[in-house]
Amino acid sequence: MSRSKIVVFASVLVVFAFGLAGYMWQKSQINSVEVVANSGSLERPYSPVLGPADAKVTIVEFFDPACEACRAFYPFVKKIMAEYPQDIRLVLRYTTFHEGSDEVVRILEAARKQGLFKSVLEEVLKRQPEWAVHGQPDINKAWAAAEFAGLDIEKAEKDAQAITVTSLLKQEAADVKAMNVEKTPTFFVNGKVLPSFGAQQLYDLVIAEVKR
């Protein structure tokens, strides 16, 4: 075989190898999305839900109440939901990576029992810079935020320590591990992972699912 033919043959092999690698990567991505979509760890019957139950699109957000990025994303997610009020619902999964976050989850669960989940959530997020000092969280200030939102504190303090809330926290931690969630917020849209992290990527995937 001449030298020129060897070069051409080698080039063809390289192109084929890249093509095969690209195909295998794409196939693995598709398979991982299917696995996520079929996973019972993605959503639980007890999970807090905002938006219509029969919405076409479900955003599952692994969310830490002490996470600054979660606080920053919340208005953006609300804006997308407001744009398509009948088509999108938000499922929140508690992810307690930060110190004190588990205590705030207990406040949110007590608020849910009083029908005040959303208003307490928003007040707690609004005042996050006051109570969520990393390494030294001041949970009393989170309780104060909840009270400002209308929470009956005396009743909530009992509800927050219920064994059902403790069980919920354990299940959430197990699901976070099962789903390999390492950062917050982590989003899934109709069971699909974002192609990369970012507000625009979230928006694009949600709108693509709405228009399917």
N, C-alpha and C. Protein backbone atom coordinates (compact mmCIF):
# COMPACT_ATOMS: atom_id res chain seq x y z
N MET A 1 0.85 -1.20 0.00
CA MET A 1 0.00 0.00 0.00
C MET A 1 0.89 1.25 0.00
N SER A 2 0.55 2.22 -0.87
CA SER A 2 1.36 3.43 -0.92
C SER A 2 1.15 4.28 0.33
N ARG A 3 2.13 5.21 0.54
CA ARG A 3 2.03 6.07 1.73
C ARG A 3 0.77 6.91 1.71
N SER A 4 0.38 7.43 0.53
CA SER A 4 -0.82 8.27 0.45
C SER A 4 -2.07 7.47 0.80
N LYS A 5 -2.12 6.20 0.38
CA LYS A 5 -3.29 5.38 0.70
C LYS A 5 -3.36 5.08 2.20
N ILE A 6 -2.16 4.89 2.80
CA ILE A 6 -2.13 4.64 4.25
C ILE A 6 -2.68 5.84 5.02
N VAL A 7 -2.28 7.05 4.57
CA VAL A 7 -2.74 8.28 5.23
C VAL A 7 -4.26 8.41 5.11
N VAL A 8 -4.78 8.14 3.90
CA VAL A 8 -6.23 8.24 3.69
C VAL A 8 -6.96 7.22 4.56
N PHE A 9 -6.42 5.98 4.59
CA PHE A 9 -7.05 4.92 5.37
C PHE A 9 -7.07 5.28 6.86
N ALA A 10 -5.95 5.84 7.34
CA ALA A 10 -5.86 6.23 8.75
C ALA A 10 -6.84 7.35 9.06
N SER A 11 -6.99 8.28 8.12
CA SER A 11 -7.92 9.40 8.34
C SER A 11 -9.35 8.89 8.45
N VAL A 12 -9.68 7.94 7.59
CA VAL A 12 -11.03 7.36 7.62
C VAL A 12 -11.28 6.68 8.96
N LEU A 13 -10.25 5.97 9.46
CA LEU A 13 -10.40 5.30 10.76
C LEU A 13 -10.63 6.29 11.88
N VAL A 14 -9.90 7.43 11.85
CA VAL A 14 -10.06 8.45 12.89
C VAL A 14 -11.46 9.03 12.86
N VAL A 15 -11.94 9.36 11.65
CA VAL A 15 -13.29 9.92 11.52
C VAL A 15 -14.33 8.92 12.03
N PHE A 16 -14.14 7.65 11.67
CA PHE A 16 -15.07 6.61 12.12
C PHE A 16 -15.07 6.49 13.65
N ALA A 17 -13.86 6.56 14.24
CA ALA A 17 -13.75 6.43 15.70
C ALA A 17 -14.46 7.57 16.40
N PHE A 18 -14.28 8.81 15.88
CA PHE A 18 -14.97 9.95 16.47
C PHE A 18 -16.48 9.81 16.34
N GLY A 19 -16.92 9.36 15.15
CA GLY A 19 -18.35 9.18 14.93
C GLY A 19 -18.93 8.15 15.88
N LEU A 20 -18.21 7.04 16.06
CA LEU A 20 -18.67 5.99 16.96
C LEU A 20 -18.73 6.48 18.40
N ALA A 21 -17.69 7.24 18.81
CA ALA A 21 -17.67 7.77 20.17
C ALA A 21 -18.84 8.72 20.40
N GLY A 22 -19.11 9.56 19.40
CA GLY A 22 -20.23 10.49 19.53
C GLY A 22 -21.55 9.77 19.64
N TYR A 23 -21.70 8.71 18.83
CA TYR A 23 -22.94 7.92 18.88
C TYR A 23 -23.11 7.25 20.24
N MET A 24 -22.02 6.69 20.77
CA MET A 24 -22.10 6.00 22.06
C MET A 24 -22.43 6.98 23.18
N TRP A 25 -21.84 8.21 23.12
CA TRP A 25 -22.13 9.22 24.14
C TRP A 25 -23.59 9.61 24.10
N GLN A 26 -24.10 9.86 22.86
CA GLN A 26 -25.50 10.26 22.71
C GLN A 26 -26.43 9.17 23.22
N LYS A 27 -26.07 7.92 22.88
CA LYS A 27 -26.90 6.80 23.33
C LYS A 27 -26.91 6.69 24.84
N SER A 28 -25.74 6.91 25.47
CA SER A 28 -25.67 6.83 26.93
C SER A 28 -26.49 7.93 27.58
N GLN A 29 -26.49 9.14 26.94
CA GLN A 29 -27.29 10.24 27.47
C GLN A 29 -28.76 9.91 27.41
N ILE A 30 -29.21 9.37 26.27
CA ILE A 30 -30.62 9.00 26.12
C ILE A 30 -31.01 7.95 27.16
N ASN A 31 -30.13 6.95 27.35
CA ASN A 31 -30.43 5.90 28.31
C ASN A 31 -30.53 6.46 29.72
N SER A 32 -29.61 7.43 30.05
CA SER A 32 -29.65 7.98 31.40
C SER A 32 -30.93 8.75 31.62
N VAL A 33 -31.42 9.47 30.58
CA VAL A 33 -32.68 10.19 30.71
C VAL A 33 -33.82 9.22 30.93
N GLU A 34 -33.82 8.09 30.21
CA GLU A 34 -34.89 7.11 30.39
C GLU A 34 -34.87 6.54 31.80
N VAL A 35 -33.65 6.31 32.33
CA VAL A 35 -33.54 5.78 33.69
C VAL A 35 -34.12 6.77 34.68
N VAL A 36 -33.76 8.06 34.50
CA VAL A 36 -34.29 9.09 35.39
C VAL A 36 -35.80 9.12 35.33
N ALA A 37 -36.36 9.09 34.09
CA ALA A 37 -37.80 9.20 33.93
C ALA A 37 -38.52 8.04 34.61
N ASN A 38 -37.89 6.90 34.69
CA ASN A 38 -38.54 5.73 35.29
C ASN A 38 -38.23 5.58 36.78
N SER A 39 -37.47 6.48 37.33
CA SER A 39 -37.02 6.31 38.70
C SER A 39 -38.08 6.78 39.69
N GLY A 40 -38.37 5.92 40.68
CA GLY A 40 -39.29 6.31 41.75
C GLY A 40 -38.69 7.28 42.72
N SER A 41 -37.40 7.51 42.61
CA SER A 41 -36.72 8.44 43.52
C SER A 41 -36.89 9.89 43.10
N LEU A 42 -37.42 10.11 41.92
CA LEU A 42 -37.50 11.48 41.40
C LEU A 42 -38.61 12.28 42.08
N GLU A 43 -39.72 11.64 42.35
CA GLU A 43 -40.87 12.33 42.91
C GLU A 43 -41.57 11.40 43.90
N ARG A 44 -41.99 11.97 45.03
CA ARG A 44 -42.70 11.18 46.03
C ARG A 44 -44.12 11.72 46.21
N PRO A 45 -45.06 10.87 46.62
CA PRO A 45 -46.45 11.35 46.79
C PRO A 45 -46.57 12.48 47.80
N TYR A 46 -45.65 12.53 48.76
CA TYR A 46 -45.73 13.56 49.79
C TYR A 46 -45.07 14.88 49.38
N SER A 47 -44.41 14.91 48.24
CA SER A 47 -43.60 16.08 47.86
C SER A 47 -44.47 17.33 47.73
N PRO A 48 -43.98 18.48 48.23
CA PRO A 48 -44.70 19.74 48.01
C PRO A 48 -44.79 20.06 46.52
N VAL A 49 -45.99 20.47 46.10
CA VAL A 49 -46.22 20.76 44.68
C VAL A 49 -46.86 22.13 44.55
N LEU A 50 -46.33 22.93 43.63
CA LEU A 50 -46.94 24.21 43.26
C LEU A 50 -47.38 24.11 41.81
N GLY A 51 -48.59 24.59 41.51
CA GLY A 51 -49.09 24.51 40.14
C GLY A 51 -50.12 23.41 40.00
N PRO A 52 -50.79 23.36 38.84
CA PRO A 52 -51.88 22.40 38.64
C PRO A 52 -51.40 20.96 38.62
N ALA A 53 -52.20 20.07 39.25
CA ALA A 53 -51.83 18.65 39.36
C ALA A 53 -51.74 17.98 37.99
N ASP A 54 -52.55 18.43 37.03
CA ASP A 54 -52.58 17.78 35.71
C ASP A 54 -51.73 18.52 34.67
N ALA A 55 -50.77 19.27 35.13
CA ALA A 55 -49.93 20.04 34.20
C ALA A 55 -49.17 19.13 33.25
N LYS A 56 -48.95 19.63 32.07
CA LYS A 56 -48.24 18.87 31.04
C LYS A 56 -46.76 18.69 31.38
N VAL A 57 -46.22 19.68 32.04
CA VAL A 57 -44.78 19.69 32.33
C VAL A 57 -44.55 19.72 33.84
N THR A 58 -43.69 18.83 34.32
CA THR A 58 -43.32 18.81 35.73
C THR A 58 -41.84 19.15 35.88
N ILE A 59 -41.59 20.22 36.64
CA ILE A 59 -40.22 20.55 37.01
C ILE A 59 -39.98 19.98 38.40
N VAL A 60 -39.02 19.11 38.54
CA VAL A 60 -38.61 18.64 39.86
C VAL A 60 -37.33 19.37 40.22
N GLU A 61 -37.39 20.07 41.35
CA GLU A 61 -36.21 20.82 41.79
C GLU A 61 -35.70 20.26 43.11
N PHE A 62 -34.48 19.81 43.12
CA PHE A 62 -33.81 19.44 44.36
C PHE A 62 -33.30 20.74 44.96
N PHE A 63 -33.86 21.08 46.10
CA PHE A 63 -33.85 22.44 46.62
C PHE A 63 -33.37 22.45 48.07
N ASP A 64 -32.45 23.36 48.38
CA ASP A 64 -31.97 23.53 49.76
C ASP A 64 -32.40 24.93 50.21
N PRO A 65 -33.18 25.06 51.29
CA PRO A 65 -33.66 26.39 51.69
C PRO A 65 -32.55 27.36 52.07
N ALA A 66 -31.36 26.85 52.38
CA ALA A 66 -30.25 27.74 52.72
C ALA A 66 -29.35 28.04 51.52
N CYS A 67 -29.70 27.51 50.37
CA CYS A 67 -28.87 27.65 49.17
C CYS A 67 -29.14 28.99 48.49
N GLU A 68 -28.11 29.79 48.30
CA GLU A 68 -28.27 31.10 47.69
C GLU A 68 -28.73 31.00 46.23
N ALA A 69 -28.22 30.01 45.51
CA ALA A 69 -28.63 29.83 44.11
C ALA A 69 -30.10 29.42 44.02
N CYS A 70 -30.56 28.61 44.98
CA CYS A 70 -31.98 28.23 44.99
C CYS A 70 -32.84 29.47 45.19
N ARG A 71 -32.40 30.34 46.09
CA ARG A 71 -33.11 31.60 46.33
C ARG A 71 -33.14 32.44 45.05
N ALA A 72 -32.04 32.48 44.34
CA ALA A 72 -31.95 33.28 43.11
C ALA A 72 -32.82 32.70 42.01
N PHE A 73 -32.93 31.37 41.95
CA PHE A 73 -33.69 30.73 40.88
C PHE A 73 -35.20 30.77 41.12
N TYR A 74 -35.61 30.87 42.38
CA TYR A 74 -37.04 30.77 42.68
C TYR A 74 -37.89 31.77 41.88
N PRO A 75 -37.54 33.07 41.86
CA PRO A 75 -38.35 34.00 41.05
C PRO A 75 -38.36 33.65 39.56
N PHE A 76 -37.25 33.12 39.08
CA PHE A 76 -37.18 32.75 37.66
C PHE A 76 -38.13 31.58 37.36
N VAL A 77 -38.15 30.60 38.24
CA VAL A 77 -39.07 29.46 38.05
C VAL A 77 -40.52 29.95 38.14
N LYS A 78 -40.79 30.84 39.09
CA LYS A 78 -42.14 31.40 39.20
C LYS A 78 -42.54 32.13 37.91
N LYS A 79 -41.59 32.83 37.31
CA LYS A 79 -41.87 33.58 36.09
C LYS A 79 -42.24 32.62 34.93
N ILE A 80 -41.50 31.52 34.84
CA ILE A 80 -41.82 30.54 33.79
C ILE A 80 -43.22 29.97 34.04
N MET A 81 -43.52 29.66 35.30
CA MET A 81 -44.82 29.09 35.62
C MET A 81 -45.94 30.09 35.34
N ALA A 82 -45.68 31.37 35.59
CA ALA A 82 -46.68 32.41 35.32
C ALA A 82 -46.93 32.56 33.82
N GLU A 83 -45.90 32.27 33.04
CA GLU A 83 -46.03 32.38 31.59
C GLU A 83 -46.93 31.28 31.02
N TYR A 84 -46.90 30.12 31.67
CA TYR A 84 -47.73 28.98 31.25
C TYR A 84 -48.45 28.40 32.47
N PRO A 85 -49.43 29.13 33.01
CA PRO A 85 -50.02 28.76 34.32
C PRO A 85 -50.72 27.41 34.33
N GLN A 86 -51.20 26.95 33.19
CA GLN A 86 -51.92 25.67 33.14
C GLN A 86 -51.02 24.50 32.77
N ASP A 87 -49.81 24.78 32.39
CA ASP A 87 -48.97 23.73 31.79
C ASP A 87 -47.80 23.27 32.66
N ILE A 88 -47.53 23.99 33.73
CA ILE A 88 -46.31 23.68 34.48
C ILE A 88 -46.63 23.53 35.97
N ARG A 89 -46.06 22.51 36.56
CA ARG A 89 -46.11 22.36 38.01
C ARG A 89 -44.69 22.16 38.52
N LEU A 90 -44.48 22.59 39.75
CA LEU A 90 -43.16 22.50 40.37
C LEU A 90 -43.22 21.56 41.56
N VAL A 91 -42.36 20.56 41.56
CA VAL A 91 -42.24 19.62 42.68
C VAL A 91 -40.92 19.93 43.39
N LEU A 92 -41.01 20.22 44.67
CA LEU A 92 -39.80 20.54 45.44
C LEU A 92 -39.34 19.32 46.21
N ARG A 93 -38.06 19.00 46.07
CA ARG A 93 -37.44 17.91 46.83
C ARG A 93 -36.42 18.54 47.78
N TYR A 94 -36.58 18.24 49.04
CA TYR A 94 -35.69 18.83 50.04
C TYR A 94 -34.29 18.22 49.96
N THR A 95 -33.32 19.11 49.93
CA THR A 95 -31.91 18.70 49.86
C THR A 95 -31.18 19.49 50.93
N THR A 96 -30.81 18.84 51.99
CA THR A 96 -30.30 19.56 53.17
C THR A 96 -28.78 19.49 53.26
N PHE A 97 -28.13 20.09 52.28
CA PHE A 97 -26.67 20.10 52.27
C PHE A 97 -26.09 21.07 53.31
N HIS A 98 -26.79 22.17 53.57
CA HIS A 98 -26.28 23.20 54.48
C HIS A 98 -26.70 22.94 55.92
N GLU A 99 -25.85 23.36 56.82
CA GLU A 99 -26.17 23.24 58.24
C GLU A 99 -27.44 24.05 58.56
N GLY A 100 -28.35 23.41 59.26
CA GLY A 100 -29.59 24.08 59.65
C GLY A 100 -30.72 23.91 58.65
N SER A 101 -30.42 23.44 57.45
CA SER A 101 -31.47 23.31 56.43
C SER A 101 -32.54 22.31 56.85
N ASP A 102 -32.13 21.25 57.56
CA ASP A 102 -33.13 20.27 58.00
C ASP A 102 -34.13 20.90 58.96
N GLU A 103 -33.67 21.84 59.79
CA GLU A 103 -34.58 22.52 60.71
C GLU A 103 -35.57 23.41 59.94
N VAL A 104 -35.09 24.02 58.89
CA VAL A 104 -35.97 24.87 58.09
C VAL A 104 -36.97 24.03 57.31
N VAL A 105 -36.55 22.86 56.87
CA VAL A 105 -37.50 21.94 56.23
C VAL A 105 -38.62 21.60 57.21
N ARG A 106 -38.27 21.41 58.48
CA ARG A 106 -39.30 21.13 59.48
C ARG A 106 -40.29 22.31 59.59
N ILE A 107 -39.77 23.53 59.50
CA ILE A 107 -40.65 24.71 59.52
C ILE A 107 -41.58 24.70 58.31
N LEU A 108 -41.02 24.39 57.15
CA LEU A 108 -41.83 24.37 55.92
C LEU A 108 -42.91 23.29 55.98
N GLU A 109 -42.55 22.14 56.54
CA GLU A 109 -43.54 21.07 56.66
C GLU A 109 -44.65 21.45 57.64
N ALA A 110 -44.28 22.12 58.72
CA ALA A 110 -45.30 22.60 59.66
C ALA A 110 -46.19 23.64 58.99
N ALA A 111 -45.58 24.48 58.16
CA ALA A 111 -46.35 25.48 57.43
C ALA A 111 -47.31 24.81 56.44
N ARG A 112 -46.86 23.73 55.83
CA ARG A 112 -47.73 23.03 54.88
C ARG A 112 -48.97 22.50 55.59
N LYS A 113 -48.79 22.05 56.82
CA LYS A 113 -49.92 21.52 57.58
C LYS A 113 -50.94 22.61 57.89
N GLN A 114 -50.47 23.86 57.93
CA GLN A 114 -51.38 24.99 58.19
C GLN A 114 -51.83 25.66 56.88
N GLY A 115 -51.49 25.05 55.74
CA GLY A 115 -51.88 25.63 54.46
C GLY A 115 -51.12 26.88 54.10
N LEU A 116 -49.92 27.02 54.65
CA LEU A 116 -49.14 28.25 54.45
C LEU A 116 -47.78 27.97 53.81
N PHE A 117 -47.66 26.85 53.12
CA PHE A 117 -46.35 26.45 52.61
C PHE A 117 -45.73 27.54 51.72
N LYS A 118 -46.49 27.99 50.72
CA LYS A 118 -45.92 28.92 49.74
C LYS A 118 -45.55 30.26 50.38
N SER A 119 -46.44 30.79 51.21
CA SER A 119 -46.14 32.10 51.81
C SER A 119 -44.96 32.01 52.79
N VAL A 120 -44.87 30.91 53.53
CA VAL A 120 -43.74 30.76 54.45
C VAL A 120 -42.46 30.51 53.66
N LEU A 121 -42.54 29.69 52.63
CA LEU A 121 -41.37 29.45 51.78
C LEU A 121 -40.81 30.77 51.25
N GLU A 122 -41.69 31.62 50.73
CA GLU A 122 -41.23 32.86 50.11
C GLU A 122 -40.65 33.83 51.14
N GLU A 123 -41.23 33.84 52.34
CA GLU A 123 -40.69 34.73 53.37
C GLU A 123 -39.34 34.21 53.88
N VAL A 124 -39.24 32.89 54.02
CA VAL A 124 -37.97 32.29 54.45
C VAL A 124 -36.86 32.55 53.42
N LEU A 125 -37.22 32.44 52.15
CA LEU A 125 -36.22 32.73 51.11
C LEU A 125 -35.86 34.22 51.09
N LYS A 126 -36.87 35.06 51.26
CA LYS A 126 -36.63 36.50 51.26
C LYS A 126 -35.63 36.89 52.35
N ARG A 127 -35.77 36.23 53.52
CA ARG A 127 -34.90 36.59 54.65
C ARG A 127 -33.72 35.62 54.80
N GLN A 128 -33.46 34.86 53.77
CA GLN A 128 -32.36 33.88 53.84
C GLN A 128 -31.03 34.52 54.26
N PRO A 129 -30.70 35.72 53.73
CA PRO A 129 -29.41 36.31 54.15
C PRO A 129 -29.31 36.57 55.65
N GLU A 130 -30.48 36.67 56.34
CA GLU A 130 -30.45 36.94 57.78
C GLU A 130 -30.19 35.68 58.59
N TRP A 131 -30.81 34.55 58.17
CA TRP A 131 -30.73 33.36 59.01
C TRP A 131 -29.73 32.30 58.50
N ALA A 132 -29.42 32.34 57.21
CA ALA A 132 -28.62 31.25 56.63
C ALA A 132 -27.15 31.62 56.52
N VAL A 133 -26.61 32.08 57.62
CA VAL A 133 -25.18 32.37 57.62
C VAL A 133 -24.44 31.04 57.66
N HIS A 134 -23.66 30.76 56.63
CA HIS A 134 -23.01 29.46 56.53
C HIS A 134 -22.07 29.21 57.71
N GLY A 135 -22.29 28.06 58.33
CA GLY A 135 -21.49 27.70 59.50
C GLY A 135 -22.12 28.15 60.80
N GLN A 136 -22.98 29.18 60.73
CA GLN A 136 -23.64 29.68 61.94
C GLN A 136 -25.08 30.09 61.63
N PRO A 137 -25.90 29.13 61.18
CA PRO A 137 -27.29 29.49 60.85
C PRO A 137 -28.05 29.89 62.11
N ASP A 138 -28.92 30.89 61.95
CA ASP A 138 -29.74 31.36 63.07
C ASP A 138 -31.19 30.95 62.77
N ILE A 139 -31.56 29.77 63.25
CA ILE A 139 -32.87 29.22 62.92
C ILE A 139 -33.99 30.01 63.57
N ASN A 140 -33.70 30.69 64.68
CA ASN A 140 -34.73 31.54 65.30
C ASN A 140 -35.22 32.61 64.32
N LYS A 141 -34.29 33.10 63.49
CA LYS A 141 -34.69 34.11 62.50
C LYS A 141 -35.54 33.50 61.38
N ALA A 142 -35.30 32.23 61.09
CA ALA A 142 -36.15 31.55 60.11
C ALA A 142 -37.55 31.37 60.69
N TRP A 143 -37.62 31.01 61.97
CA TRP A 143 -38.93 30.93 62.62
C TRP A 143 -39.62 32.29 62.61
N ALA A 144 -38.87 33.35 62.84
CA ALA A 144 -39.45 34.70 62.83
C ALA A 144 -40.02 35.04 61.45
N ALA A 145 -39.31 34.62 60.42
CA ALA A 145 -39.82 34.85 59.05
C ALA A 145 -41.12 34.10 58.84
N ALA A 146 -41.17 32.86 59.34
CA ALA A 146 -42.39 32.06 59.19
C ALA A 146 -43.56 32.68 59.95
N GLU A 147 -43.26 33.19 61.14
CA GLU A 147 -44.32 33.85 61.92
C GLU A 147 -44.83 35.09 61.21
N PHE A 148 -43.92 35.84 60.60
CA PHE A 148 -44.31 37.03 59.84
C PHE A 148 -45.26 36.66 58.69
N ALA A 149 -45.05 35.45 58.13
CA ALA A 149 -45.90 34.99 57.02
C ALA A 149 -47.23 34.44 57.51
N GLY A 150 -47.43 34.42 58.84
CA GLY A 150 -48.73 34.03 59.36
C GLY A 150 -48.76 32.70 60.09
N LEU A 151 -47.61 32.06 60.26
CA LEU A 151 -47.57 30.74 60.88
C LEU A 151 -47.91 30.81 62.37
N ASP A 152 -48.76 29.88 62.80
CA ASP A 152 -49.05 29.71 64.23
C ASP A 152 -47.86 28.97 64.83
N ILE A 153 -47.00 29.70 65.52
CA ILE A 153 -45.73 29.14 65.96
C ILE A 153 -45.90 28.04 67.00
N GLU A 154 -46.79 28.25 67.95
CA GLU A 154 -46.98 27.26 69.01
C GLU A 154 -47.37 25.90 68.42
N LYS A 155 -48.31 25.93 67.49
CA LYS A 155 -48.74 24.69 66.83
C LYS A 155 -47.62 24.14 65.93
N ALA A 156 -46.97 25.03 65.23
CA ALA A 156 -45.94 24.61 64.27
C ALA A 156 -44.75 23.94 64.95
N GLU A 157 -44.39 24.42 66.13
CA GLU A 157 -43.24 23.83 66.84
C GLU A 157 -43.48 22.35 67.15
N LYS A 158 -44.72 22.00 67.44
CA LYS A 158 -45.06 20.59 67.69
C LYS A 158 -45.07 19.81 66.39
N ASP A 159 -45.70 20.38 65.37
CA ASP A 159 -45.80 19.68 64.08
C ASP A 159 -44.42 19.48 63.45
N ALA A 160 -43.53 20.43 63.68
CA ALA A 160 -42.21 20.35 63.05
C ALA A 160 -41.40 19.17 63.56
N GLN A 161 -41.71 18.71 64.77
CA GLN A 161 -40.94 17.60 65.37
C GLN A 161 -41.64 16.26 65.19
N ALA A 162 -42.71 16.23 64.40
CA ALA A 162 -43.46 14.99 64.20
C ALA A 162 -42.57 13.91 63.58
N ILE A 163 -42.84 12.67 63.92
CA ILE A 163 -42.03 11.56 63.40
C ILE A 163 -42.19 11.44 61.88
N THR A 164 -43.33 11.88 61.37
CA THR A 164 -43.54 11.85 59.92
C THR A 164 -42.56 12.78 59.20
N VAL A 165 -42.25 13.91 59.83
CA VAL A 165 -41.28 14.84 59.22
C VAL A 165 -39.87 14.25 59.28
N THR A 166 -39.57 13.59 60.39
CA THR A 166 -38.26 12.92 60.50
C THR A 166 -38.13 11.84 59.42
N SER A 167 -39.19 11.07 59.21
CA SER A 167 -39.16 10.03 58.18
C SER A 167 -39.00 10.64 56.79
N LEU A 168 -39.71 11.76 56.58
CA LEU A 168 -39.60 12.45 55.29
C LEU A 168 -38.16 12.88 55.02
N LEU A 169 -37.53 13.44 56.04
CA LEU A 169 -36.15 13.90 55.87
C LEU A 169 -35.22 12.74 55.53
N LYS A 170 -35.44 11.60 56.16
CA LYS A 170 -34.61 10.43 55.87
C LYS A 170 -34.82 9.95 54.43
N GLN A 171 -36.08 9.95 53.98
CA GLN A 171 -36.36 9.51 52.61
C GLN A 171 -35.79 10.49 51.60
N GLU A 172 -35.90 11.78 51.89
CA GLU A 172 -35.34 12.79 50.99
C GLU A 172 -33.82 12.60 50.85
N ALA A 173 -33.16 12.37 51.98
CA ALA A 173 -31.70 12.17 51.94
C ALA A 173 -31.35 10.92 51.12
N ALA A 174 -32.15 9.87 51.27
CA ALA A 174 -31.90 8.65 50.51
C ALA A 174 -32.10 8.88 49.01
N ASP A 175 -33.13 9.66 48.66
CA ASP A 175 -33.40 9.93 47.24
C ASP A 175 -32.34 10.84 46.62
N VAL A 176 -31.87 11.80 47.41
CA VAL A 176 -30.79 12.67 46.93
C VAL A 176 -29.57 11.82 46.56
N LYS A 177 -29.28 10.85 47.41
CA LYS A 177 -28.15 9.96 47.15
C LYS A 177 -28.43 9.07 45.94
N ALA A 178 -29.63 8.54 45.86
CA ALA A 178 -29.98 7.64 44.75
C ALA A 178 -29.95 8.36 43.41
N MET A 179 -30.31 9.66 43.41
CA MET A 179 -30.34 10.43 42.18
C MET A 179 -29.00 11.09 41.86
N ASN A 180 -28.02 10.84 42.74
CA ASN A 180 -26.68 11.42 42.54
C ASN A 180 -26.72 12.95 42.49
N VAL A 181 -27.59 13.54 43.28
CA VAL A 181 -27.67 15.01 43.33
C VAL A 181 -26.54 15.50 44.23
N GLU A 182 -25.67 16.32 43.67
CA GLU A 182 -24.51 16.81 44.42
C GLU A 182 -24.52 18.31 44.62
N LYS A 183 -25.40 19.02 43.87
CA LYS A 183 -25.47 20.48 43.98
C LYS A 183 -26.93 20.90 43.96
N THR A 184 -27.17 22.09 44.50
CA THR A 184 -28.52 22.65 44.41
C THR A 184 -28.45 24.05 43.80
N PRO A 185 -29.47 24.43 43.03
CA PRO A 185 -30.60 23.59 42.66
C PRO A 185 -30.23 22.61 41.54
N THR A 186 -30.83 21.44 41.58
CA THR A 186 -30.73 20.50 40.46
C THR A 186 -32.13 20.30 39.91
N PHE A 187 -32.27 20.48 38.59
CA PHE A 187 -33.59 20.43 37.97
C PHE A 187 -33.73 19.21 37.06
N PHE A 188 -34.93 18.66 37.06
CA PHE A 188 -35.35 17.67 36.07
C PHE A 188 -36.66 18.17 35.46
N VAL A 189 -36.78 18.09 34.15
CA VAL A 189 -38.00 18.55 33.48
C VAL A 189 -38.62 17.36 32.77
N ASN A 190 -39.79 16.96 33.22
CA ASN A 190 -40.42 15.73 32.74
C ASN A 190 -39.43 14.57 32.78
N GLY A 191 -38.64 14.52 33.83
CA GLY A 191 -37.69 13.43 34.03
C GLY A 191 -36.39 13.58 33.28
N LYS A 192 -36.23 14.68 32.57
CA LYS A 192 -35.02 14.87 31.76
C LYS A 192 -34.05 15.81 32.46
N VAL A 193 -32.79 15.49 32.38
CA VAL A 193 -31.77 16.36 32.95
C VAL A 193 -31.52 17.54 32.02
N LEU A 194 -31.08 18.66 32.60
CA LEU A 194 -30.69 19.79 31.76
C LEU A 194 -29.42 19.43 30.99
N PRO A 195 -29.29 19.89 29.73
CA PRO A 195 -28.07 19.61 28.98
C PRO A 195 -26.84 20.21 29.65
N SER A 196 -27.04 21.34 30.34
CA SER A 196 -26.01 21.96 31.17
C SER A 196 -26.74 22.90 32.12
N PHE A 197 -26.08 23.31 33.19
CA PHE A 197 -26.77 24.11 34.20
C PHE A 197 -26.89 25.57 33.76
N GLY A 198 -28.08 26.14 33.97
CA GLY A 198 -28.26 27.55 33.67
C GLY A 198 -29.72 27.89 33.52
N ALA A 199 -30.04 29.16 33.74
CA ALA A 199 -31.43 29.60 33.65
C ALA A 199 -31.98 29.43 32.23
N GLN A 200 -31.17 29.81 31.23
CA GLN A 200 -31.64 29.71 29.85
C GLN A 200 -31.86 28.25 29.45
N GLN A 201 -30.96 27.37 29.93
CA GLN A 201 -31.10 25.95 29.63
C GLN A 201 -32.39 25.39 30.25
N LEU A 202 -32.69 25.84 31.47
CA LEU A 202 -33.93 25.41 32.11
C LEU A 202 -35.13 25.92 31.33
N TYR A 203 -35.09 27.19 30.97
CA TYR A 203 -36.20 27.79 30.23
C TYR A 203 -36.42 27.05 28.89
N ASP A 204 -35.34 26.82 28.18
CA ASP A 204 -35.45 26.18 26.86
C ASP A 204 -36.05 24.77 26.97
N LEU A 205 -35.60 24.01 27.98
CA LEU A 205 -36.11 22.65 28.12
C LEU A 205 -37.58 22.65 28.53
N VAL A 206 -37.95 23.56 29.43
CA VAL A 206 -39.36 23.65 29.86
C VAL A 206 -40.25 24.01 28.67
N ILE A 207 -39.85 25.02 27.92
CA ILE A 207 -40.68 25.47 26.79
C ILE A 207 -40.75 24.38 25.72
N ALA A 208 -39.67 23.67 25.50
CA ALA A 208 -39.69 22.56 24.52
C ALA A 208 -40.69 21.50 24.95
N GLU A 209 -40.77 21.23 26.25
CA GLU A 209 -41.73 20.22 26.74
C GLU A 209 -43.15 20.76 26.67
N VAL A 210 -43.34 22.04 26.94
CA VAL A 210 -44.68 22.64 26.84
C VAL A 210 -45.20 22.54 25.41
N LYS A 211 -44.32 22.72 24.43
CA LYS A 211 -44.74 22.78 23.03
C LYS A 211 -44.73 21.42 22.34
N ARG A 212 -44.39 20.38 23.06
CA ARG A 212 -44.38 19.04 22.45
C ARG A 212 -45.78 18.56 22.13
